[in-house]
Amino acid sequence: DRYEGLRRRLSEVRSARIKPGIDHKCLTSWNAMLVSGWCEVYLATGNDAYRKRAIDLITAIRKYLIDDSGKICHQRTSGVLSAQGYADDYAFFISALIALGRAGCGDEFYLEAERYTGEMMNRYFDQSSGFFRLSPSDEESLLFTSKTEVSDNVIPSVNSEMCINLLLLSRISERPEWEELAAGMLGTILPSVDFASGYTNWLRAYVYFSCGIAEVVCVGSEFRSAYKELRSMNRQDILVLYSTGESELPVVKGKSGKDHGIYVCRNKTCFPPVTDITEAITLLA
């Protein structure tokens, strides 16, 4: 090869240069967003390999990015955990847990999302502004005050993401105060929306509030196939849940001990259970 000598000389010159640094850090927020992404791909394609990737990744986050006390950390670099996480780490981790629940990975993910939301409310929520701060209140000092992020950019803002999380969890956990909080956040932001690209996730929240969210609970093992079919519709305005017995989820609790069937609920009111999936889909129209 007539270019071999040139390649060798170029390689020798290049090897004398200072090599670029390698980014070794693993960020909680970015990995949590990938979990949500895998779940979305699974729901869109039905390919269970994507759901398995999501479960494997959330398992790794729990193992490597959450400390022994259960607090979420911001990053892990060369095997060492950083200080406690920021609000975006919590917000996207909660979103990932909700996504896993919606992908049919188990009620425990919804319960974990509710628990971390409670912790986030206690440590990051600013009562005076009605929004979440990036740093926990116990880290603030006279010299430093945490900023409040509201504009969506390359990734959604903490507050737009939590607005959606609070709305979804308010239905699953039957906590109307969380829905009221989310509505207040959205109501404060909407008058400021001057260009859509800076508020894309807020507008997604607006669609949720405008169109409404329905809860569908399939009760009984004979309705598992109906649950899977309804879930595969991948409609963002429907929360589809499944139970064969007792459940700790408030939205399921009152139905799992009743007649088997498909319960369709809107605005905190449920239609009588139906046994035909076509009829359930009609109720969702």
C-alpha atoms as a PDB file:
ATOM      1  CA  ASP A   1       0.000   0.000   0.000  1.00  0.00           C
ATOM      2  CA  ARG A   2       1.634   3.250  -1.124  1.00  0.00           C
ATOM      3  CA  TYR A   3      -0.066   5.166   1.707  1.00  0.00           C
ATOM      4  CA  GLU A   4       1.177   2.864   4.471  1.00  0.00           C
ATOM      5  CA  GLY A   5       4.272   4.938   5.144  1.00  0.00           C
ATOM      6  CA  LEU A   6       2.205   8.119   5.365  1.00  0.00           C
ATOM      7  CA  ARG A   7      -0.254   6.492   7.775  1.00  0.00           C
ATOM      8  CA  ARG A   8       2.615   5.328   9.977  1.00  0.00           C
ATOM      9  CA  ARG A   9       4.193   8.792  10.071  1.00  0.00           C
ATOM     10  CA  LEU A  10       0.818  10.432  10.831  1.00  0.00           C
ATOM     11  CA  SER A  11       0.223   7.915  13.592  1.00  0.00           C
ATOM     12  CA  GLU A  12       3.603   8.696  15.154  1.00  0.00           C
ATOM     13  CA  VAL A  13       2.872  12.439  15.132  1.00  0.00           C
ATOM     14  CA  ARG A  14      -0.632  11.889  16.522  1.00  0.00           C
ATOM     15  CA  SER A  15       0.635   9.667  19.346  1.00  0.00           C
ATOM     16  CA  ALA A  16       2.820  12.552  20.581  1.00  0.00           C
ATOM     17  CA  ARG A  17      -0.224  14.760  21.159  1.00  0.00           C
ATOM     18  CA  ILE A  18      -1.967  15.111  24.521  1.00  0.00           C
ATOM     19  CA  LYS A  19      -4.858  12.668  24.472  1.00  0.00           C
ATOM     20  CA  PRO A  20      -8.341  14.122  25.087  1.00  0.00           C
ATOM     21  CA  GLY A  21      -9.876  13.520  28.484  1.00  0.00           C
ATOM     22  CA  ILE A  22     -12.365  10.716  28.910  1.00  0.00           C
ATOM     23  CA  ASP A  23     -15.679  11.394  30.604  1.00  0.00           C
ATOM     24  CA  HIS A  24     -16.090   8.604  33.161  1.00  0.00           C
ATOM     25  CA  LYS A  25     -19.136   9.921  34.980  1.00  0.00           C
ATOM     26  CA  CYS A  26     -22.516   8.180  35.003  1.00  0.00           C
ATOM     27  CA  LEU A  27     -25.349  10.671  35.535  1.00  0.00           C
ATOM     28  CA  THR A  28     -28.534   9.582  37.274  1.00  0.00           C
ATOM     29  CA  SER A  29     -30.789  11.910  35.285  1.00  0.00           C
ATOM     30  CA  TRP A  30     -29.484  10.839  31.865  1.00  0.00           C
ATOM     31  CA  ASN A  31     -29.701   7.140  32.671  1.00  0.00           C
ATOM     32  CA  ALA A  32     -33.204   7.588  34.062  1.00  0.00           C
ATOM     33  CA  MET A  33     -34.271   9.288  30.824  1.00  0.00           C
ATOM     34  CA  LEU A  34     -32.969   6.282  28.916  1.00  0.00           C
ATOM     35  CA  VAL A  35     -35.114   3.987  31.082  1.00  0.00           C
ATOM     36  CA  SER A  36     -38.174   6.029  30.065  1.00  0.00           C
ATOM     37  CA  GLY A  37     -37.038   5.837  26.447  1.00  0.00           C
ATOM     38  CA  TRP A  38     -36.718   2.047  26.518  1.00  0.00           C
ATOM     39  CA  CYS A  39     -40.224   1.822  27.992  1.00  0.00           C
ATOM     40  CA  GLU A  40     -41.635   4.046  25.244  1.00  0.00           C
ATOM     41  CA  VAL A  41     -39.987   1.902  22.569  1.00  0.00           C
ATOM     42  CA  TYR A  42     -41.365  -1.238  24.194  1.00  0.00           C
ATOM     43  CA  LEU A  43     -44.904   0.172  24.246  1.00  0.00           C
ATOM     44  CA  ALA A  44     -44.591   1.280  20.612  1.00  0.00           C
ATOM     45  CA  THR A  45     -43.163  -1.992  19.280  1.00  0.00           C
ATOM     46  CA  GLY A  46     -44.203  -4.682  21.754  1.00  0.00           C
ATOM     47  CA  ASN A  47     -40.626  -5.997  21.651  1.00  0.00           C
ATOM     48  CA  ASP A  48     -39.965  -7.274  25.175  1.00  0.00           C
ATOM     49  CA  ALA A  49     -36.191  -6.892  24.743  1.00  0.00           C
ATOM     50  CA  TYR A  50     -36.624  -3.129  25.255  1.00  0.00           C
ATOM     51  CA  ARG A  51     -38.575  -3.606  28.472  1.00  0.00           C
ATOM     52  CA  LYS A  52     -35.824  -5.916  29.737  1.00  0.00           C
ATOM     53  CA  ARG A  53     -33.236  -3.232  28.970  1.00  0.00           C
ATOM     54  CA  ALA A  54     -35.292  -0.734  30.961  1.00  0.00           C
ATOM     55  CA  ILE A  55     -35.504  -3.086  33.955  1.00  0.00           C
ATOM     56  CA  ASP A  56     -31.781  -3.864  33.784  1.00  0.00           C
ATOM     57  CA  LEU A  57     -30.922  -0.170  33.701  1.00  0.00           C
ATOM     58  CA  ILE A  58     -33.202   0.819  36.585  1.00  0.00           C
ATOM     59  CA  THR A  59     -31.626  -2.035  38.568  1.00  0.00           C
ATOM     60  CA  ALA A  60     -28.175  -0.592  37.828  1.00  0.00           C
ATOM     61  CA  ILE A  61     -29.303   2.907  38.880  1.00  0.00           C
ATOM     62  CA  ARG A  62     -30.586   1.540  42.183  1.00  0.00           C
ATOM     63  CA  LYS A  63     -27.342  -0.336  42.755  1.00  0.00           C
ATOM     64  CA  TYR A  64     -24.783   2.260  41.700  1.00  0.00           C
ATOM     65  CA  LEU A  65     -26.447   5.681  41.943  1.00  0.00           C
ATOM     66  CA  ILE A  66     -28.500   5.495  45.145  1.00  0.00           C
ATOM     67  CA  ASP A  67     -26.681   5.570  48.474  1.00  0.00           C
ATOM     68  CA  ASP A  68     -27.177   3.261  51.446  1.00  0.00           C
ATOM     69  CA  SER A  69     -29.737   5.603  53.014  1.00  0.00           C
ATOM     70  CA  GLY A  70     -31.897   5.486  49.885  1.00  0.00           C
ATOM     71  CA  LYS A  71     -31.078   9.000  48.692  1.00  0.00           C
ATOM     72  CA  ILE A  72     -30.500   9.542  45.001  1.00  0.00           C
ATOM     73  CA  CYS A  73     -27.018  10.764  44.064  1.00  0.00           C
ATOM     74  CA  HIS A  74     -26.157  12.980  41.128  1.00  0.00           C
ATOM     75  CA  GLN A  75     -23.407  10.889  39.541  1.00  0.00           C
ATOM     76  CA  ARG A  76     -20.862   8.126  39.909  1.00  0.00           C
ATOM     77  CA  THR A  77     -17.320   8.751  38.683  1.00  0.00           C
ATOM     78  CA  SER A  78     -14.673   6.028  38.598  1.00  0.00           C
ATOM     79  CA  GLY A  79     -16.677   4.011  41.110  1.00  0.00           C
ATOM     80  CA  VAL A  80     -17.195   6.890  43.564  1.00  0.00           C
ATOM     81  CA  LEU A  81     -20.644   8.352  44.324  1.00  0.00           C
ATOM     82  CA  SER A  82     -20.969  12.134  44.288  1.00  0.00           C
ATOM     83  CA  ALA A  83     -22.896  14.224  46.762  1.00  0.00           C
ATOM     84  CA  GLN A  84     -26.669  13.912  46.940  1.00  0.00           C
ATOM     85  CA  GLY A  85     -28.685  14.418  43.809  1.00  0.00           C
ATOM     86  CA  TYR A  86     -30.249  17.512  42.350  1.00  0.00           C
ATOM     87  CA  ALA A  87     -33.926  17.954  41.560  1.00  0.00           C
ATOM     88  CA  ASP A  88     -33.452  16.799  37.962  1.00  0.00           C
ATOM     89  CA  ASP A  89     -32.043  13.468  39.194  1.00  0.00           C
ATOM     90  CA  TYR A  90     -35.160  12.936  41.287  1.00  0.00           C
ATOM     91  CA  ALA A  91     -37.581  14.178  38.611  1.00  0.00           C
ATOM     92  CA  PHE A  92     -36.283  11.926  35.841  1.00  0.00           C
ATOM     93  CA  PHE A  93     -35.877   8.947  38.176  1.00  0.00           C
ATOM     94  CA  ILE A  94     -39.530   9.342  39.190  1.00  0.00           C
ATOM     95  CA  SER A  95     -40.491   9.580  35.500  1.00  0.00           C
ATOM     96  CA  ALA A  96     -38.574   6.365  34.828  1.00  0.00           C
ATOM     97  CA  LEU A  97     -40.419   4.560  37.626  1.00  0.00           C
ATOM     98  CA  ILE A  98     -43.779   5.727  36.260  1.00  0.00           C
ATOM     99  CA  ALA A  99     -42.746   4.618  32.757  1.00  0.00           C
ATOM    100  CA  LEU A 100     -41.887   1.148  34.087  1.00  0.00           C
ATOM    101  CA  GLY A 101     -45.279   0.961  35.757  1.00  0.00           C
ATOM    102  CA  ARG A 102     -46.993   1.948  32.524  1.00  0.00           C
ATOM    103  CA  ALA A 103     -44.978  -0.696  30.681  1.00  0.00           C
ATOM    104  CA  GLY A 104     -46.480  -3.367  32.929  1.00  0.00           C
ATOM    105  CA  CYS A 105     -43.366  -4.061  34.999  1.00  0.00           C
ATOM    106  CA  GLY A 106     -45.223  -4.068  38.327  1.00  0.00           C
ATOM    107  CA  ASP A 107     -47.102  -1.886  40.807  1.00  0.00           C
ATOM    108  CA  GLU A 108     -43.988  -1.561  42.972  1.00  0.00           C
ATOM    109  CA  PHE A 109     -42.572   0.993  40.531  1.00  0.00           C
ATOM    110  CA  TYR A 110     -45.597   3.272  41.025  1.00  0.00           C
ATOM    111  CA  LEU A 111     -45.250   2.927  44.803  1.00  0.00           C
ATOM    112  CA  GLU A 112     -41.548   3.755  44.624  1.00  0.00           C
ATOM    113  CA  ALA A 113     -42.312   6.790  42.449  1.00  0.00           C
ATOM    114  CA  GLU A 114     -44.825   7.985  45.038  1.00  0.00           C
ATOM    115  CA  ARG A 115     -42.272   7.576  47.834  1.00  0.00           C
ATOM    116  CA  TYR A 116     -39.560   9.545  46.022  1.00  0.00           C
ATOM    117  CA  THR A 117     -42.076  12.248  45.086  1.00  0.00           C
ATOM    118  CA  GLY A 118     -42.886  12.673  48.768  1.00  0.00           C
ATOM    119  CA  GLU A 119     -39.184  13.001  49.531  1.00  0.00           C
ATOM    120  CA  MET A 120     -38.757  15.510  46.705  1.00  0.00           C
ATOM    121  CA  MET A 121     -41.677  17.572  47.995  1.00  0.00           C
ATOM    122  CA  ASN A 122     -40.070  17.749  51.429  1.00  0.00           C
ATOM    123  CA  ARG A 123     -36.587  18.669  50.262  1.00  0.00           C
ATOM    124  CA  TYR A 124     -36.867  20.542  46.966  1.00  0.00           C
ATOM    125  CA  PHE A 125     -40.268  22.235  46.830  1.00  0.00           C
ATOM    126  CA  ASP A 126     -40.381  25.987  47.452  1.00  0.00           C
ATOM    127  CA  GLN A 127     -43.710  26.948  48.989  1.00  0.00           C
ATOM    128  CA  SER A 128     -43.244  30.637  48.212  1.00  0.00           C
ATOM    129  CA  SER A 129     -42.855  30.178  44.445  1.00  0.00           C
ATOM    130  CA  GLY A 130     -44.840  26.987  43.967  1.00  0.00           C
ATOM    131  CA  PHE A 131     -41.960  25.363  42.059  1.00  0.00           C
ATOM    132  CA  PHE A 132     -39.093  22.961  42.711  1.00  0.00           C
ATOM    133  CA  ARG A 133     -35.575  24.253  43.282  1.00  0.00           C
ATOM    134  CA  LEU A 134     -32.586  22.499  41.757  1.00  0.00           C
ATOM    135  CA  SER A 135     -30.849  21.954  45.110  1.00  0.00           C
ATOM    136  CA  PRO A 136     -32.435  20.747  48.346  1.00  0.00           C
ATOM    137  CA  SER A 137     -33.437  23.419  50.846  1.00  0.00           C
ATOM    138  CA  ASP A 138     -31.109  21.980  53.491  1.00  0.00           C
ATOM    139  CA  GLU A 139     -28.102  22.842  51.269  1.00  0.00           C
ATOM    140  CA  GLU A 140     -28.930  26.531  50.992  1.00  0.00           C
ATOM    141  CA  SER A 141     -26.942  29.185  52.846  1.00  0.00           C
ATOM    142  CA  LEU A 142     -26.686  32.934  53.111  1.00  0.00           C
ATOM    143  CA  LEU A 143     -24.199  32.893  50.248  1.00  0.00           C
ATOM    144  CA  PHE A 144     -26.066  30.528  47.942  1.00  0.00           C
ATOM    145  CA  THR A 145     -29.678  30.192  46.897  1.00  0.00           C
ATOM    146  CA  SER A 146     -30.743  27.423  44.535  1.00  0.00           C
ATOM    147  CA  LYS A 147     -32.187  28.488  41.178  1.00  0.00           C
ATOM    148  CA  THR A 148     -35.608  27.455  39.935  1.00  0.00           C
ATOM    149  CA  GLU A 149     -35.573  26.017  36.423  1.00  0.00           C
ATOM    150  CA  VAL A 150     -38.741  26.383  34.341  1.00  0.00           C
ATOM    151  CA  SER A 151     -37.725  26.632  30.666  1.00  0.00           C
ATOM    152  CA  ASP A 152     -37.443  23.457  28.628  1.00  0.00           C
ATOM    153  CA  ASN A 153     -34.281  23.117  26.604  1.00  0.00           C
ATOM    154  CA  VAL A 154     -32.444  20.149  25.102  1.00  0.00           C
ATOM    155  CA  ILE A 155     -33.972  18.168  27.957  1.00  0.00           C
ATOM    156  CA  PRO A 156     -37.167  19.071  29.827  1.00  0.00           C
ATOM    157  CA  SER A 157     -36.975  21.355  32.827  1.00  0.00           C
ATOM    158  CA  VAL A 158     -37.275  19.909  36.316  1.00  0.00           C
ATOM    159  CA  ASN A 159     -40.572  21.660  36.925  1.00  0.00           C
ATOM    160  CA  SER A 160     -42.302  20.692  33.686  1.00  0.00           C
ATOM    161  CA  GLU A 161     -41.277  17.071  34.270  1.00  0.00           C
ATOM    162  CA  MET A 162     -42.559  17.153  37.838  1.00  0.00           C
ATOM    163  CA  CYS A 163     -45.779  18.807  36.713  1.00  0.00           C
ATOM    164  CA  ILE A 164     -46.533  15.728  34.599  1.00  0.00           C
ATOM    165  CA  ASN A 165     -45.301  13.325  37.285  1.00  0.00           C
ATOM    166  CA  LEU A 166     -47.534  14.935  39.910  1.00  0.00           C
ATOM    167  CA  LEU A 167     -50.571  14.747  37.640  1.00  0.00           C
ATOM    168  CA  LEU A 168     -50.061  11.060  36.786  1.00  0.00           C
ATOM    169  CA  LEU A 169     -49.269  10.052  40.367  1.00  0.00           C
ATOM    170  CA  SER A 170     -52.251  12.009  41.687  1.00  0.00           C
ATOM    171  CA  ARG A 171     -54.498   9.633  39.741  1.00  0.00           C
ATOM    172  CA  ILE A 172     -52.634   6.461  40.686  1.00  0.00           C
ATOM    173  CA  SER A 173     -52.264   7.398  44.356  1.00  0.00           C
ATOM    174  CA  GLU A 174     -55.556   9.311  44.612  1.00  0.00           C
ATOM    175  CA  ARG A 175     -53.826  12.414  45.941  1.00  0.00           C
ATOM    176  CA  PRO A 176     -55.822  15.364  44.577  1.00  0.00           C
ATOM    177  CA  GLU A 177     -53.465  17.842  46.253  1.00  0.00           C
ATOM    178  CA  TRP A 178     -50.736  16.785  43.825  1.00  0.00           C
ATOM    179  CA  GLU A 179     -53.003  17.459  40.854  1.00  0.00           C
ATOM    180  CA  GLU A 180     -53.862  20.877  42.297  1.00  0.00           C
ATOM    181  CA  LEU A 181     -50.162  21.614  42.694  1.00  0.00           C
ATOM    182  CA  ALA A 182     -49.439  20.561  39.087  1.00  0.00           C
ATOM    183  CA  ALA A 183     -52.333  22.693  37.836  1.00  0.00           C
ATOM    184  CA  GLY A 184     -50.976  25.675  39.752  1.00  0.00           C
ATOM    185  CA  MET A 185     -47.505  25.222  38.252  1.00  0.00           C
ATOM    186  CA  LEU A 186     -48.919  24.997  34.736  1.00  0.00           C
ATOM    187  CA  GLY A 187     -51.227  27.959  35.285  1.00  0.00           C
ATOM    188  CA  THR A 188     -48.296  30.098  36.378  1.00  0.00           C
ATOM    189  CA  ILE A 189     -46.214  29.170  33.332  1.00  0.00           C
ATOM    190  CA  LEU A 190     -48.786  29.344  30.511  1.00  0.00           C
ATOM    191  CA  PRO A 191     -48.966  33.187  30.351  1.00  0.00           C
ATOM    192  CA  SER A 192     -45.169  33.221  29.876  1.00  0.00           C
ATOM    193  CA  VAL A 193     -45.147  30.854  26.891  1.00  0.00           C
ATOM    194  CA  ASP A 194     -43.872  33.030  24.061  1.00  0.00           C
ATOM    195  CA  PHE A 195     -42.164  30.411  21.883  1.00  0.00           C
ATOM    196  CA  ALA A 196     -43.104  26.743  21.842  1.00  0.00           C
ATOM    197  CA  SER A 197     -39.588  25.323  21.604  1.00  0.00           C
ATOM    198  CA  GLY A 198     -38.759  26.673  25.075  1.00  0.00           C
ATOM    199  CA  TYR A 199     -41.813  25.100  26.683  1.00  0.00           C
ATOM    200  CA  THR A 200     -42.332  21.819  24.842  1.00  0.00           C
ATOM    201  CA  ASN A 201     -42.745  19.705  27.968  1.00  0.00           C
ATOM    202  CA  TRP A 202     -45.033  22.259  29.581  1.00  0.00           C
ATOM    203  CA  LEU A 203     -47.219  22.068  26.473  1.00  0.00           C
ATOM    204  CA  ARG A 204     -47.240  18.297  26.870  1.00  0.00           C
ATOM    205  CA  ALA A 205     -48.542  18.841  30.402  1.00  0.00           C
ATOM    206  CA  TYR A 206     -51.147  21.226  28.978  1.00  0.00           C
ATOM    207  CA  VAL A 207     -52.378  18.494  26.634  1.00  0.00           C
ATOM    208  CA  TYR A 208     -52.742  16.125  29.604  1.00  0.00           C
ATOM    209  CA  PHE A 209     -54.858  18.660  31.476  1.00  0.00           C
ATOM    210  CA  SER A 210     -56.876  19.696  28.408  1.00  0.00           C
ATOM    211  CA  CYS A 211     -57.705  16.188  27.165  1.00  0.00           C
ATOM    212  CA  GLY A 212     -57.942  14.584  30.586  1.00  0.00           C
ATOM    213  CA  ILE A 213     -56.536  11.275  31.802  1.00  0.00           C
ATOM    214  CA  ALA A 214     -58.586   8.111  32.091  1.00  0.00           C
ATOM    215  CA  GLU A 215     -57.737   5.247  34.423  1.00  0.00           C
ATOM    216  CA  VAL A 216     -58.456   1.689  33.277  1.00  0.00           C
ATOM    217  CA  VAL A 217     -58.200  -1.147  35.795  1.00  0.00           C
ATOM    218  CA  CYS A 218     -58.455  -4.715  34.514  1.00  0.00           C
ATOM    219  CA  VAL A 219     -59.427  -6.971  37.417  1.00  0.00           C
ATOM    220  CA  GLY A 220     -59.108 -10.747  37.165  1.00  0.00           C
ATOM    221  CA  SER A 221     -56.698 -13.111  35.433  1.00  0.00           C
ATOM    222  CA  GLU A 222     -59.198 -13.618  32.609  1.00  0.00           C
ATOM    223  CA  PHE A 223     -58.681  -9.969  31.642  1.00  0.00           C
ATOM    224  CA  ARG A 224     -54.899 -10.072  31.367  1.00  0.00           C
ATOM    225  CA  SER A 225     -55.062 -10.234  27.566  1.00  0.00           C
ATOM    226  CA  ALA A 226     -57.399  -7.219  27.575  1.00  0.00           C
ATOM    227  CA  TYR A 227     -54.903  -5.394  29.784  1.00  0.00           C
ATOM    228  CA  LYS A 228     -52.084  -6.129  27.350  1.00  0.00           C
ATOM    229  CA  GLU A 229     -54.162  -5.017  24.377  1.00  0.00           C
ATOM    230  CA  LEU A 230     -55.227  -1.775  26.041  1.00  0.00           C
ATOM    231  CA  ARG A 231     -51.639  -1.096  27.108  1.00  0.00           C
ATOM    232  CA  SER A 232     -50.382  -1.730  23.563  1.00  0.00           C
ATOM    233  CA  MET A 233     -52.587   1.131  22.329  1.00  0.00           C
ATOM    234  CA  ASN A 234     -49.869   3.343  23.878  1.00  0.00           C
ATOM    235  CA  ARG A 235     -52.261   6.219  24.477  1.00  0.00           C
ATOM    236  CA  GLN A 236     -50.647   8.805  26.719  1.00  0.00           C
ATOM    237  CA  ASP A 237     -54.035   9.904  28.083  1.00  0.00           C
ATOM    238  CA  ILE A 238     -54.785   6.466  29.604  1.00  0.00           C
ATOM    239  CA  LEU A 239     -53.315   4.811  32.678  1.00  0.00           C
ATOM    240  CA  VAL A 240     -53.852   1.057  32.313  1.00  0.00           C
ATOM    241  CA  LEU A 241     -53.500  -1.114  35.421  1.00  0.00           C
ATOM    242  CA  TYR A 242     -54.019  -4.790  36.157  1.00  0.00           C
ATOM    243  CA  SER A 243     -54.842  -6.727  39.308  1.00  0.00           C
ATOM    244  CA  THR A 244     -55.586 -10.335  40.186  1.00  0.00           C
ATOM    245  CA  GLY A 245     -55.929  -9.724  43.918  1.00  0.00           C
ATOM    246  CA  GLU A 246     -55.140  -7.168  46.546  1.00  0.00           C
ATOM    247  CA  SER A 247     -53.082  -4.181  45.479  1.00  0.00           C
ATOM    248  CA  GLU A 248     -51.483  -1.377  47.464  1.00  0.00           C
ATOM    249  CA  LEU A 249     -52.257   1.146  44.744  1.00  0.00           C
ATOM    250  CA  PRO A 250     -55.192   3.323  45.856  1.00  0.00           C
ATOM    251  CA  VAL A 251     -56.630   3.514  42.326  1.00  0.00           C
ATOM    252  CA  VAL A 252     -56.793  -0.305  42.258  1.00  0.00           C
ATOM    253  CA  LYS A 253     -57.627  -1.038  45.894  1.00  0.00           C
ATOM    254  CA  GLY A 254     -61.322  -0.289  45.700  1.00  0.00           C
ATOM    255  CA  LYS A 255     -61.802  -2.471  42.634  1.00  0.00           C
ATOM    256  CA  SER A 256     -59.652  -5.564  43.154  1.00  0.00           C
ATOM    257  CA  GLY A 257     -62.096  -7.009  45.684  1.00  0.00           C
ATOM    258  CA  LYS A 258     -65.140  -6.372  43.493  1.00  0.00           C
ATOM    259  CA  ASP A 259     -66.513  -8.063  40.396  1.00  0.00           C
ATOM    260  CA  HIS A 260     -63.982  -9.002  37.768  1.00  0.00           C
ATOM    261  CA  GLY A 261     -64.013  -6.880  34.640  1.00  0.00           C
ATOM    262  CA  ILE A 262     -62.602  -3.761  33.016  1.00  0.00           C
ATOM    263  CA  TYR A 263     -63.179  -0.573  34.998  1.00  0.00           C
ATOM    264  CA  VAL A 264     -62.965   2.675  33.011  1.00  0.00           C
ATOM    265  CA  CYS A 265     -62.765   5.813  35.150  1.00  0.00           C
ATOM    266  CA  ARG A 266     -62.788   9.499  34.284  1.00  0.00           C
ATOM    267  CA  ASN A 267     -62.855  12.547  36.540  1.00  0.00           C
ATOM    268  CA  LYS A 268     -62.790  10.370  39.668  1.00  0.00           C
ATOM    269  CA  THR A 269     -65.919   8.495  38.521  1.00  0.00           C
ATOM    270  CA  CYS A 270     -65.945   4.908  37.246  1.00  0.00           C
ATOM    271  CA  PHE A 271     -68.336   3.321  34.803  1.00  0.00           C
ATOM    272  CA  PRO A 272     -69.756  -0.083  35.796  1.00  0.00           C
ATOM    273  CA  PRO A 273     -67.238  -2.809  34.871  1.00  0.00           C
ATOM    274  CA  VAL A 274     -67.484  -4.255  31.376  1.00  0.00           C
ATOM    275  CA  THR A 275     -66.253  -7.608  30.125  1.00  0.00           C
ATOM    276  CA  ASP A 276     -65.876  -6.749  26.436  1.00  0.00           C
ATOM    277  CA  ILE A 277     -62.708  -4.869  25.464  1.00  0.00           C
ATOM    278  CA  THR A 278     -64.539  -3.254  22.541  1.00  0.00           C
ATOM    279  CA  GLU A 279     -66.995  -1.740  24.976  1.00  0.00           C
ATOM    280  CA  ALA A 280     -64.121  -0.497  27.154  1.00  0.00           C
ATOM    281  CA  ILE A 281     -62.493   1.169  24.154  1.00  0.00           C
ATOM    282  CA  THR A 282     -65.823   2.825  23.327  1.00  0.00           C
ATOM    283  CA  LEU A 283     -65.970   4.271  26.848  1.00  0.00           C
ATOM    284  CA  LEU A 284     -62.479   5.708  26.283  1.00  0.00           C
ATOM    285  CA  ALA A 285     -63.412   7.427  23.022  1.00  0.00           C
END
